Amino acid sequence: MAIVVNLDVMLARRKMSLSELAEKVGLTLSNLSILKTGKAKAIRFSTLESICEALDCQPGDILEYQPN
């Protein structure tokens, strides 16, 4: 897939666990895990906004385009 999710990188930079983020943004751990592993087909802007707010980052810090 050409879109890479760098959620694990941002979590490491913020020294935050996935379960901590799940609690802050109000998502299940399994849904965040699907996003983190790049298996998600879509993400709502409201979810992306909540993640960016919790991690104090920009959407481009989480999502990256890498051509095949």
Protein backbone atom coordinates (compact mmCIF):
# COMPACT_ATOMS: atom_id res chain seq x y z
CA MET A 1 0.00 0.00 0.00
CA ALA A 2 1.28 3.47 -0.85
CA ILE A 3 0.02 5.07 2.39
CA VAL A 4 2.18 4.20 5.39
CA VAL A 5 0.93 4.71 8.94
CA ASN A 6 3.68 5.90 11.30
CA LEU A 7 1.58 5.73 14.45
CA ASP A 8 4.14 3.54 16.20
CA VAL A 9 6.85 6.14 15.54
CA MET A 10 4.77 8.94 17.04
CA LEU A 11 3.85 6.80 20.04
CA ALA A 12 7.54 6.11 20.68
CA ARG A 13 8.42 9.81 20.34
CA ARG A 14 5.72 10.73 22.85
CA LYS A 15 6.57 7.78 25.11
CA MET A 16 2.94 6.68 25.06
CA SER A 17 1.49 3.19 24.85
CA LEU A 18 -1.20 2.18 22.39
CA SER A 19 -3.60 1.49 25.26
CA GLU A 20 -2.94 4.97 26.67
CA LEU A 21 -3.74 6.51 23.30
CA ALA A 22 -6.87 4.37 22.96
CA GLU A 23 -8.11 5.69 26.29
CA LYS A 24 -7.37 9.32 25.36
CA VAL A 25 -9.09 9.21 21.97
CA GLY A 26 -11.97 6.92 22.93
CA LEU A 27 -11.20 4.10 20.51
CA THR A 28 -10.84 0.41 21.17
CA LEU A 29 -7.36 -1.01 21.40
CA SER A 30 -8.12 -3.40 18.53
CA ASN A 31 -9.20 -0.56 16.19
CA LEU A 32 -6.03 1.41 16.96
CA SER A 33 -3.97 -1.73 16.46
CA ILE A 34 -5.51 -2.22 13.01
CA LEU A 35 -4.59 1.36 12.15
CA LYS A 36 -1.07 1.02 13.58
CA THR A 37 -0.31 -2.10 11.56
CA GLY A 38 -1.50 -0.47 8.33
CA LYS A 39 -4.42 -2.86 7.86
CA ALA A 40 -7.08 -0.12 8.04
CA LYS A 41 -8.81 0.74 4.78
CA ALA A 42 -9.94 4.19 5.96
CA ILE A 43 -9.79 6.64 8.84
CA ARG A 44 -12.31 9.29 9.78
CA PHE A 45 -11.07 12.84 9.96
CA SER A 46 -12.53 13.10 13.47
CA THR A 47 -10.45 10.09 14.53
CA LEU A 48 -7.32 11.51 12.91
CA GLU A 49 -8.00 14.84 14.63
CA SER A 50 -8.34 13.13 18.03
CA ILE A 51 -5.10 11.18 17.52
CA CYS A 52 -3.24 14.33 16.45
CA GLU A 53 -4.57 16.19 19.47
CA ALA A 54 -3.56 13.41 21.87
CA LEU A 55 -0.08 13.08 20.34
CA ASP A 56 0.39 16.83 19.71
CA CYS A 57 1.30 16.25 16.06
CA GLN A 58 0.17 16.90 12.50
CA PRO A 59 -1.62 14.37 10.22
CA GLY A 60 1.54 14.24 8.08
CA ASP A 61 3.45 12.95 11.11
CA ILE A 62 1.18 9.90 11.16
CA LEU A 63 0.38 9.32 7.49
CA GLU A 64 2.99 9.17 4.74
CA TYR A 65 2.75 8.51 1.01
CA GLN A 66 5.36 6.15 -0.41
CA PRO A 67 5.01 5.35 -4.10
CA ASN A 68 5.31 1.70 -5.04
